[in-house]
N, C-alpha and C. Protein backbone atom coordinates (compact mmCIF):
# COMPACT_ATOMS: atom_id res chain seq x y z
N MET A 1 130.54 9.39 91.23
CA MET A 1 129.57 10.19 90.31
C MET A 1 128.88 11.15 91.43
N GLU A 2 128.47 10.60 92.56
CA GLU A 2 127.75 11.36 93.49
C GLU A 2 128.61 12.60 93.96
N LYS A 3 129.76 12.26 94.25
CA LYS A 3 130.67 13.51 94.71
C LYS A 3 130.89 14.64 93.61
N LEU A 4 130.92 14.11 92.32
CA LEU A 4 131.01 15.10 91.29
C LEU A 4 129.68 15.93 91.04
N LEU A 5 128.46 15.17 91.21
CA LEU A 5 127.16 15.92 91.05
C LEU A 5 127.13 16.99 92.22
N ARG A 6 127.47 16.61 93.50
CA ARG A 6 127.43 17.39 94.64
C ARG A 6 128.28 18.64 94.48
N SER A 7 129.57 18.25 94.01
CA SER A 7 130.47 19.56 93.75
C SER A 7 129.96 20.46 92.78
N PHE A 8 129.32 20.00 91.73
CA PHE A 8 128.79 20.84 90.62
C PHE A 8 127.61 21.73 91.25
N VAL A 9 126.64 21.03 91.79
CA VAL A 9 125.51 21.75 92.44
C VAL A 9 125.95 22.84 93.40
N ASN A 10 126.92 22.53 94.30
CA ASN A 10 127.40 23.43 95.22
C ASN A 10 128.24 24.57 94.69
N GLY A 11 129.03 24.15 93.66
CA GLY A 11 129.87 25.16 92.92
C GLY A 11 128.96 26.25 92.11
N VAL A 12 128.08 25.76 91.41
CA VAL A 12 127.09 26.53 90.74
C VAL A 12 126.25 27.40 91.68
N GLY A 13 125.87 26.80 92.71
CA GLY A 13 125.07 27.59 93.83
C GLY A 13 125.99 28.72 94.35
N LYS A 14 127.32 28.51 94.62
CA LYS A 14 128.08 29.61 95.05
C LYS A 14 128.19 30.61 94.09
N ILE A 15 128.56 30.28 92.77
CA ILE A 15 128.62 31.19 91.79
C ILE A 15 127.34 32.15 91.67
N ASN A 16 126.21 31.46 91.59
CA ASN A 16 125.05 32.32 91.32
C ASN A 16 124.62 33.18 92.58
N GLU A 17 125.11 32.60 93.88
CA GLU A 17 124.70 33.26 95.05
C GLU A 17 125.57 34.61 95.09
N SER A 18 126.86 34.52 94.75
CA SER A 18 127.67 35.66 94.73
C SER A 18 127.29 36.59 93.76
N ILE A 19 126.79 36.23 92.45
CA ILE A 19 126.43 37.15 91.50
C ILE A 19 125.05 37.84 91.90
N GLY A 20 124.23 37.01 92.51
CA GLY A 20 122.95 37.49 92.94
C GLY A 20 123.18 38.44 93.99
N ARG A 21 124.05 38.29 94.98
CA ARG A 21 124.17 39.27 95.93
C ARG A 21 124.77 40.55 95.51
N ALA A 22 125.64 40.34 94.45
CA ALA A 22 126.36 41.62 93.88
C ALA A 22 125.15 42.35 93.19
N VAL A 23 124.33 41.77 92.40
CA VAL A 23 123.44 42.25 91.51
C VAL A 23 122.33 42.92 92.36
N ALA A 24 122.16 42.45 93.59
CA ALA A 24 121.25 43.18 94.45
C ALA A 24 121.58 44.61 94.74
N TRP A 25 122.94 44.82 94.75
CA TRP A 25 123.29 46.18 95.09
C TRP A 25 123.01 47.11 93.89
N LEU A 26 122.83 46.58 92.61
CA LEU A 26 122.38 47.35 91.42
C LEU A 26 120.98 48.06 91.69
N THR A 27 120.09 47.30 92.52
CA THR A 27 118.86 47.76 92.89
C THR A 27 118.93 48.99 93.57
N THR A 28 119.80 49.04 94.62
CA THR A 28 120.06 50.26 95.35
C THR A 28 120.65 51.35 94.45
N LEU A 29 121.48 51.13 93.63
CA LEU A 29 121.94 52.20 92.73
C LEU A 29 120.79 52.62 91.75
N LEU A 30 120.09 51.65 91.33
CA LEU A 30 118.82 52.06 90.57
C LEU A 30 117.84 53.01 91.24
N VAL A 31 117.53 52.71 92.42
CA VAL A 31 116.67 53.51 93.25
C VAL A 31 117.32 54.88 93.40
N LEU A 32 118.48 55.03 93.70
CA LEU A 32 119.27 56.31 93.95
C LEU A 32 119.19 57.19 92.46
N LEU A 33 119.39 56.37 91.38
CA LEU A 33 119.44 57.05 90.18
C LEU A 33 118.06 57.55 89.80
N VAL A 34 116.93 56.71 89.92
CA VAL A 34 115.61 57.10 89.61
C VAL A 34 115.33 58.37 90.52
N CYS A 35 115.52 58.25 91.81
CA CYS A 35 115.24 59.52 92.76
C CYS A 35 116.02 60.71 92.31
N GLY A 36 117.16 60.56 91.88
CA GLY A 36 117.91 61.79 91.46
C GLY A 36 117.30 62.33 90.14
N ASP A 37 116.97 61.42 89.19
CA ASP A 37 116.43 61.79 87.86
C ASP A 37 115.08 62.47 88.21
N VAL A 38 114.19 61.92 89.12
CA VAL A 38 112.94 62.68 89.38
C VAL A 38 113.23 64.02 90.07
N LEU A 39 114.09 64.05 90.96
CA LEU A 39 114.34 65.41 91.53
C LEU A 39 114.84 66.47 90.47
N MET A 40 115.64 65.95 89.69
CA MET A 40 116.12 66.93 88.69
C MET A 40 115.10 67.43 87.73
N ARG A 41 114.22 66.38 87.41
CA ARG A 41 112.95 66.84 86.61
C ARG A 41 112.03 67.84 87.21
N TYR A 42 111.81 67.59 88.63
CA TYR A 42 110.91 68.59 89.17
C TYR A 42 111.55 69.81 89.75
N TRP A 43 112.78 69.76 90.16
CA TRP A 43 113.35 71.03 90.61
C TRP A 43 113.90 71.88 89.37
N PHE A 44 114.68 71.21 88.39
CA PHE A 44 115.36 71.87 87.48
C PHE A 44 114.73 71.79 86.06
N ASN A 45 113.65 70.84 86.05
CA ASN A 45 112.88 70.65 84.82
C ASN A 45 113.88 70.16 83.60
N THR A 46 114.71 69.19 84.05
CA THR A 46 115.71 68.72 83.08
C THR A 46 115.99 67.24 83.36
N THR A 47 116.46 66.55 82.34
CA THR A 47 116.90 65.17 82.42
C THR A 47 117.90 64.97 81.37
N ALA A 48 118.60 63.87 81.41
CA ALA A 48 119.54 63.53 80.44
C ALA A 48 119.22 62.14 79.83
N ALA A 49 119.42 61.91 78.49
CA ALA A 49 119.16 60.66 77.84
C ALA A 49 119.84 59.54 78.44
N TRP A 50 121.24 59.79 78.81
CA TRP A 50 122.08 58.77 79.36
C TRP A 50 121.45 58.31 80.77
N VAL A 51 120.89 59.20 81.47
CA VAL A 51 120.37 58.76 82.77
C VAL A 51 119.12 57.87 82.55
N MET A 52 118.21 58.23 81.68
CA MET A 52 117.13 57.32 81.42
C MET A 52 117.59 55.96 80.84
N GLU A 53 118.45 56.08 79.98
CA GLU A 53 119.08 54.72 79.42
C GLU A 53 119.73 53.89 80.54
N LEU A 54 120.45 54.54 81.31
CA LEU A 54 121.03 53.79 82.38
C LEU A 54 120.02 53.25 83.46
N GLU A 55 118.96 53.83 83.66
CA GLU A 55 117.95 53.26 84.35
C GLU A 55 117.45 51.94 83.86
N TRP A 56 117.12 51.87 82.55
CA TRP A 56 116.60 50.69 82.05
C TRP A 56 117.71 49.58 81.90
N HIS A 57 118.97 50.06 81.71
CA HIS A 57 120.02 49.09 81.68
C HIS A 57 120.17 48.35 82.89
N LEU A 58 120.26 49.21 84.11
CA LEU A 58 120.30 48.57 85.43
C LEU A 58 119.19 47.72 85.66
N PHE A 59 117.92 48.08 85.36
CA PHE A 59 116.84 47.22 85.54
C PHE A 59 117.05 45.93 84.80
N ALA A 60 117.43 45.94 83.62
CA ALA A 60 117.67 44.78 82.72
C ALA A 60 118.79 43.91 83.40
N LEU A 61 119.77 44.44 83.95
CA LEU A 61 120.82 43.71 84.73
C LEU A 61 120.38 43.00 85.89
N VAL A 62 119.47 43.78 86.71
CA VAL A 62 118.95 43.22 87.82
C VAL A 62 118.06 41.96 87.45
N PHE A 63 117.19 42.08 86.49
CA PHE A 63 116.33 41.02 86.10
C PHE A 63 117.18 39.83 85.45
N LEU A 64 118.12 40.19 84.47
CA LEU A 64 118.68 39.18 83.79
C LEU A 64 119.66 38.41 84.66
N LEU A 65 120.54 39.09 85.32
CA LEU A 65 121.66 38.43 86.13
C LEU A 65 120.99 37.88 87.57
N GLY A 66 119.91 38.44 87.94
CA GLY A 66 119.30 37.95 89.05
C GLY A 66 118.36 36.68 88.99
N ALA A 67 118.04 36.36 87.82
CA ALA A 67 117.13 35.23 87.51
C ALA A 67 117.66 33.89 88.06
N ALA A 68 118.89 33.65 87.84
CA ALA A 68 119.51 32.41 88.21
C ALA A 68 119.62 32.31 89.67
N TYR A 69 119.81 33.54 90.42
CA TYR A 69 119.72 33.59 91.80
C TYR A 69 118.43 33.30 92.38
N ALA A 70 117.40 33.89 91.74
CA ALA A 70 116.01 33.77 92.25
C ALA A 70 115.65 32.19 92.07
N PHE A 71 116.08 31.59 90.94
CA PHE A 71 115.72 30.16 90.71
C PHE A 71 116.50 29.27 91.88
N GLN A 72 117.80 29.68 92.04
CA GLN A 72 118.57 28.88 93.08
C GLN A 72 117.86 29.02 94.45
N GLN A 73 117.31 30.23 94.87
CA GLN A 73 116.70 30.47 96.18
C GLN A 73 115.38 30.01 96.18
N ASP A 74 114.85 29.48 94.99
CA ASP A 74 113.38 28.98 94.97
C ASP A 74 112.43 30.19 95.17
N ARG A 75 112.80 31.26 94.65
CA ARG A 75 111.97 32.61 94.82
C ARG A 75 111.32 32.92 93.37
N HIS A 76 111.45 32.07 92.41
CA HIS A 76 110.88 32.24 91.15
C HIS A 76 109.31 31.99 91.20
N VAL A 77 108.74 32.36 90.11
CA VAL A 77 107.26 32.13 90.03
C VAL A 77 107.09 30.66 89.61
N ARG A 78 106.15 29.89 90.41
CA ARG A 78 105.81 28.70 90.11
C ARG A 78 104.39 28.44 90.60
N VAL A 79 103.57 27.68 89.90
CA VAL A 79 102.26 27.36 90.32
C VAL A 79 102.31 26.18 91.20
N ASP A 80 102.16 26.53 92.61
CA ASP A 80 102.40 25.55 93.67
C ASP A 80 101.16 24.86 94.07
N LEU A 81 100.22 24.72 93.23
CA LEU A 81 98.97 24.10 93.46
C LEU A 81 99.11 22.67 94.06
N PHE A 82 99.98 21.92 93.40
CA PHE A 82 100.33 20.48 94.00
C PHE A 82 101.68 20.26 94.41
N TYR A 83 102.58 21.13 93.93
CA TYR A 83 103.99 20.94 94.17
C TYR A 83 104.16 20.89 95.66
N ASP A 84 103.66 21.77 96.50
CA ASP A 84 103.93 21.72 98.01
C ASP A 84 103.53 20.50 98.67
N ARG A 85 102.56 19.78 98.08
CA ARG A 85 102.07 18.55 98.71
C ARG A 85 102.83 17.39 98.30
N PHE A 86 103.63 17.42 97.25
CA PHE A 86 104.45 16.35 96.67
C PHE A 86 105.52 15.87 97.83
N SER A 87 105.80 14.61 97.62
CA SER A 87 106.95 14.13 98.36
C SER A 87 108.19 14.67 97.71
N PRO A 88 109.38 14.62 98.46
CA PRO A 88 110.60 14.94 97.88
C PRO A 88 111.05 14.33 96.55
N ARG A 89 110.67 13.05 96.53
CA ARG A 89 110.95 12.26 95.31
C ARG A 89 110.11 12.77 94.06
N ASP A 90 108.83 13.08 94.36
CA ASP A 90 107.88 13.51 93.38
C ASP A 90 108.23 15.05 92.96
N ARG A 91 108.84 15.73 93.82
CA ARG A 91 109.30 17.16 93.55
C ARG A 91 110.59 16.98 92.62
N ALA A 92 111.38 15.92 92.97
CA ALA A 92 112.70 15.85 92.18
C ALA A 92 112.19 15.37 90.77
N TRP A 93 111.21 14.53 90.56
CA TRP A 93 110.67 14.17 89.33
C TRP A 93 110.23 15.47 88.48
N VAL A 94 109.43 16.20 89.19
CA VAL A 94 108.93 17.49 88.49
C VAL A 94 110.13 18.43 88.15
N ASN A 95 111.14 18.65 89.00
CA ASN A 95 112.28 19.41 88.76
C ASN A 95 113.09 18.85 87.62
N LEU A 96 113.20 17.45 87.64
CA LEU A 96 113.99 16.80 86.44
C LEU A 96 113.35 16.91 85.15
N VAL A 97 112.13 16.67 85.00
CA VAL A 97 111.35 16.75 83.82
C VAL A 97 111.20 18.09 83.30
N GLY A 98 110.80 18.94 84.13
CA GLY A 98 110.50 20.37 83.88
C GLY A 98 111.81 21.02 83.40
N GLY A 99 112.95 20.77 84.13
CA GLY A 99 114.26 21.20 83.76
C GLY A 99 114.69 20.92 82.36
N MET A 100 114.56 19.58 82.14
CA MET A 100 114.99 19.08 80.83
C MET A 100 114.13 19.36 79.84
N VAL A 101 112.72 19.42 79.84
CA VAL A 101 111.91 19.64 78.79
C VAL A 101 111.75 21.15 78.50
N PHE A 102 111.61 21.91 79.51
CA PHE A 102 111.40 23.35 79.35
C PHE A 102 112.53 24.33 79.51
N LEU A 103 113.18 24.09 80.82
CA LEU A 103 114.18 25.17 81.06
C LEU A 103 115.40 25.10 80.14
N LEU A 104 116.04 23.84 80.10
CA LEU A 104 117.36 23.73 79.40
C LEU A 104 117.30 24.12 77.94
N PRO A 105 116.09 23.61 77.15
CA PRO A 105 116.04 24.00 75.80
C PRO A 105 115.94 25.58 75.58
N TRP A 106 115.02 26.15 76.38
CA TRP A 106 114.91 27.72 76.34
C TRP A 106 116.07 28.40 76.57
N CYS A 107 116.81 27.96 77.69
CA CYS A 107 118.08 28.55 77.94
C CYS A 107 119.06 28.55 76.87
N LEU A 108 119.20 27.32 76.29
CA LEU A 108 120.19 27.12 75.19
C LEU A 108 119.88 27.96 74.09
N VAL A 109 118.61 28.11 73.62
CA VAL A 109 118.11 28.95 72.62
C VAL A 109 118.43 30.42 72.87
N LEU A 110 118.06 30.84 74.13
CA LEU A 110 118.34 32.29 74.53
C LEU A 110 119.79 32.53 74.68
N VAL A 111 120.67 31.70 75.10
CA VAL A 111 122.08 31.93 75.11
C VAL A 111 122.61 32.23 73.70
N TYR A 112 122.17 31.31 72.80
CA TYR A 112 122.65 31.46 71.48
C TYR A 112 122.14 32.70 70.73
N VAL A 113 120.81 32.90 70.88
CA VAL A 113 120.18 34.13 70.30
C VAL A 113 120.84 35.37 70.87
N GLY A 114 120.95 35.39 72.18
CA GLY A 114 121.39 36.58 72.83
C GLY A 114 122.85 36.93 72.42
N TRP A 115 123.60 35.82 72.23
CA TRP A 115 124.96 35.98 71.83
C TRP A 115 125.10 36.54 70.40
N GLN A 116 124.29 36.00 69.53
CA GLN A 116 124.18 36.54 68.22
C GLN A 116 123.84 38.07 68.20
N TYR A 117 122.77 38.34 68.98
CA TYR A 117 122.16 39.72 69.08
C TYR A 117 123.34 40.70 69.62
N ALA A 118 124.04 40.30 70.51
CA ALA A 118 125.15 41.08 71.10
C ALA A 118 126.31 41.30 69.96
N LEU A 119 126.66 40.16 69.27
CA LEU A 119 127.71 40.19 68.29
C LEU A 119 127.36 41.15 67.21
N GLY A 120 126.07 41.05 66.79
CA GLY A 120 125.61 41.96 65.71
C GLY A 120 125.78 43.43 66.04
N SER A 121 125.42 43.67 67.24
CA SER A 121 125.54 45.06 67.83
C SER A 121 126.91 45.58 68.00
N TYR A 122 127.82 44.54 68.23
CA TYR A 122 129.28 44.88 68.45
C TYR A 122 129.77 45.25 67.00
N TYR A 123 129.44 44.43 65.89
CA TYR A 123 129.94 44.52 64.77
C TYR A 123 129.61 45.86 64.04
N ILE A 124 128.45 46.30 64.36
CA ILE A 124 127.99 47.61 63.72
C ILE A 124 128.30 48.75 64.63
N GLY A 125 128.92 48.47 65.73
CA GLY A 125 129.23 49.63 66.67
C GLY A 125 128.03 50.27 67.17
N GLU A 126 126.97 49.62 67.49
CA GLU A 126 125.61 50.16 67.81
C GLU A 126 125.92 50.84 69.23
N GLY A 127 125.29 52.02 69.11
CA GLY A 127 125.07 52.89 70.41
C GLY A 127 123.79 53.38 70.47
N SER A 128 123.46 54.28 71.30
CA SER A 128 122.20 54.77 71.56
C SER A 128 121.78 55.70 70.29
N PRO A 129 120.50 55.55 69.97
CA PRO A 129 120.02 56.50 68.80
C PRO A 129 119.73 57.90 69.28
N ASN A 130 119.82 57.99 70.72
CA ASN A 130 119.39 59.23 71.32
C ASN A 130 120.64 60.27 71.45
N PRO A 131 120.52 61.44 71.17
CA PRO A 131 121.69 62.31 71.35
C PRO A 131 122.07 62.39 72.87
N GLY A 132 123.29 62.08 73.27
CA GLY A 132 123.77 62.07 74.65
C GLY A 132 123.49 60.68 75.40
N GLY A 133 122.95 59.70 74.56
CA GLY A 133 122.71 58.35 75.11
C GLY A 133 123.94 57.55 75.32
N LEU A 134 123.90 56.43 75.94
CA LEU A 134 125.00 55.57 76.14
C LEU A 134 125.51 54.90 74.91
N PRO A 135 126.83 54.76 74.88
CA PRO A 135 127.51 54.02 73.68
C PRO A 135 127.51 52.51 74.00
N HIS A 136 128.03 51.74 73.19
CA HIS A 136 128.35 50.44 73.29
C HIS A 136 127.14 49.49 73.66
N ARG A 137 126.08 49.55 72.95
CA ARG A 137 124.85 48.93 73.20
C ARG A 137 125.05 47.52 73.37
N PHE A 138 126.21 46.80 72.74
CA PHE A 138 126.35 45.40 72.78
C PHE A 138 126.62 45.01 74.13
N LEU A 139 127.05 45.70 75.05
CA LEU A 139 127.28 45.39 76.38
C LEU A 139 126.04 44.87 77.13
N ILE A 140 124.92 45.68 76.91
CA ILE A 140 123.69 45.43 77.66
C ILE A 140 123.02 44.32 76.88
N LYS A 141 123.25 44.20 75.60
CA LYS A 141 122.67 43.01 74.89
C LYS A 141 123.38 41.71 75.11
N GLY A 142 124.63 41.78 75.50
CA GLY A 142 125.45 40.73 75.88
C GLY A 142 124.94 40.20 77.23
N SER A 143 124.36 41.01 78.08
CA SER A 143 123.84 40.54 79.35
C SER A 143 122.73 39.60 79.19
N ILE A 144 122.08 39.50 77.97
CA ILE A 144 120.95 38.60 77.76
C ILE A 144 121.66 37.18 77.73
N ALA A 145 122.65 37.00 76.96
CA ALA A 145 123.33 35.75 76.90
C ALA A 145 123.96 35.32 78.24
N LEU A 146 124.53 36.25 78.84
CA LEU A 146 125.17 36.02 80.22
C LEU A 146 124.16 35.57 81.33
N GLY A 147 122.95 36.32 81.28
CA GLY A 147 121.94 35.96 82.17
C GLY A 147 121.39 34.69 81.98
N PHE A 148 121.04 34.24 80.74
CA PHE A 148 120.56 32.97 80.57
C PHE A 148 121.63 31.84 80.61
N LEU A 149 122.92 32.20 80.43
CA LEU A 149 123.92 31.17 80.64
C LEU A 149 123.97 30.79 82.20
N LEU A 150 123.84 31.85 83.01
CA LEU A 150 123.82 31.53 84.55
C LEU A 150 122.56 30.76 84.85
N LEU A 151 121.53 31.09 84.30
CA LEU A 151 120.29 30.26 84.41
C LEU A 151 120.50 28.94 83.98
N LEU A 152 121.15 28.69 82.72
CA LEU A 152 121.26 27.37 82.31
C LEU A 152 122.23 26.52 83.32
N LEU A 153 123.14 27.32 83.90
CA LEU A 153 124.02 26.42 84.90
C LEU A 153 123.16 26.02 86.14
N GLN A 154 122.31 27.04 86.47
CA GLN A 154 121.46 26.66 87.66
C GLN A 154 120.48 25.56 87.36
N ALA A 155 120.03 25.54 86.13
CA ALA A 155 119.03 24.63 85.74
C ALA A 155 119.83 23.24 85.67
N LEU A 156 120.99 23.17 85.26
CA LEU A 156 121.86 21.89 85.32
C LEU A 156 122.09 21.42 86.73
N ALA A 157 122.29 22.40 87.59
CA ALA A 157 122.62 22.10 88.97
C ALA A 157 121.23 21.52 89.68
N SER A 158 120.01 22.18 89.22
CA SER A 158 118.83 21.74 89.72
C SER A 158 118.53 20.25 89.19
N ILE A 159 118.76 19.98 87.99
CA ILE A 159 118.77 18.60 87.45
C ILE A 159 119.61 17.59 88.07
N ALA A 160 120.91 18.05 88.42
CA ALA A 160 121.80 17.21 89.19
C ALA A 160 121.34 16.86 90.58
N ALA A 161 120.73 17.99 91.32
CA ALA A 161 120.31 17.72 92.63
C ALA A 161 119.04 16.76 92.54
N ALA A 162 118.20 16.96 91.47
CA ALA A 162 116.95 15.96 91.42
C ALA A 162 117.43 14.67 91.19
N LEU A 163 118.52 14.38 90.37
CA LEU A 163 119.14 13.08 90.17
C LEU A 163 119.59 12.47 91.50
N LEU A 164 120.24 13.35 92.30
CA LEU A 164 120.82 12.78 93.62
C LEU A 164 119.63 12.35 94.51
N VAL A 165 118.48 13.17 94.43
CA VAL A 165 117.49 12.76 95.24
C VAL A 165 116.77 11.33 94.74
N LEU A 166 116.63 11.35 93.45
CA LEU A 166 115.95 10.19 92.88
C LEU A 166 116.69 8.87 93.03
N PHE A 167 118.11 9.00 93.08
CA PHE A 167 118.96 7.82 93.24
C PHE A 167 119.33 7.63 94.80
N GLY A 168 118.69 8.45 95.56
CA GLY A 168 118.82 8.17 96.98
C GLY A 168 120.20 8.69 97.54
N GLU A 169 120.90 9.57 96.79
CA GLU A 169 122.06 10.08 97.32
C GLU A 169 121.93 11.29 98.13
N ALA A 170 120.69 11.90 98.18
CA ALA A 170 120.63 13.27 98.96
C ALA A 170 119.59 12.79 100.09
N GLN A 171 119.56 13.50 101.04
CA GLN A 171 118.56 13.33 102.12
C GLN A 171 117.23 13.79 101.52
N GLU A 172 116.29 12.82 101.59
CA GLU A 172 114.96 13.06 100.82
C GLU A 172 114.11 14.13 101.57
N ASP A 173 114.39 14.17 102.96
CA ASP A 173 113.44 15.11 103.78
C ASP A 173 113.90 16.64 103.52
N ASN A 174 115.09 16.86 103.05
CA ASN A 174 115.60 18.29 102.81
C ASN A 174 116.49 18.29 101.74
N GLU A 175 116.05 18.46 100.50
CA GLU A 175 116.71 18.47 99.33
C GLU A 175 117.81 19.60 99.38
N PHE A 176 117.42 20.80 99.79
CA PHE A 176 118.36 21.90 99.77
C PHE A 176 118.38 22.62 101.04
N SER A 177 119.43 23.13 101.33
CA SER A 177 119.32 24.16 102.45
C SER A 177 118.85 25.44 101.83
N PRO A 178 117.89 26.05 102.35
CA PRO A 178 117.27 27.22 101.60
C PRO A 178 118.12 28.34 101.49
N THR A 179 119.21 28.45 102.24
CA THR A 179 119.92 29.70 102.26
C THR A 179 121.20 29.44 101.37
N THR A 180 121.74 28.28 101.28
CA THR A 180 122.82 28.11 100.67
C THR A 180 122.82 27.33 99.39
N ASN A 181 121.62 26.60 99.25
CA ASN A 181 121.46 25.72 98.11
C ASN A 181 122.46 24.54 98.15
N ASP A 182 123.08 24.20 99.26
CA ASP A 182 124.02 23.18 99.20
C ASP A 182 123.21 21.91 99.38
N ILE A 183 123.56 20.94 98.51
CA ILE A 183 122.96 19.59 98.54
C ILE A 183 123.50 18.76 99.67
N ARG A 184 122.71 18.21 100.43
CA ARG A 184 123.17 17.37 101.63
C ARG A 184 123.29 16.01 101.21
C-alpha cells in the first residue's frame, strides 16, 4: 500500500508540475497581449473584442490550471498562524482533515458544476455576444472543470502524503521535497 500511495503522490505531482510549468508560459503570452492591446489603443485608438476576450480567457486559464500547481508547491493562501509551529504529524493531521472536509467536497462539486456549465454552453453553441468576439465559449467554461479536476487530484495526493506521514511511512522531518513534491 505504501508503494501505491507513493507512486500516486509522485505521479500526480509530476502531472501538475508539468501543467503548471506550461501554464506559466501563458502569463508571458498574456503580458505580451496586454502590452500590444495597450499600444494599439494609444497609438491607433483601436482595439478588438477578440483581443480583450482572449486576455480574460488567458487569465482564467492561468488561474484555473495553475491552482493545482500552486497547491502542490505550497504556494497557496493559508493562514500560517499556528501551522508553521506544528510538528510534521500535526501538519499531516491538518492536511488530512482539511483536505477531506473542505477541499475534496468543493472540488467534486465544482468539477460536476463546471462540467455541466461547459456542456450547456456546447449544446447551445455559445459564442461571444460581442461582434468579433471569440467563438466556442464552452472551451473556456470547460477549463473550470479541468482546473478543479487537477486540484482534486492534487488534494488526493496531499491526503495520501498525509496518510504516509501519519502511518510512519514517510520521513517525518521532511514530508515533501519543496521543488518536486516527491514523497520520501
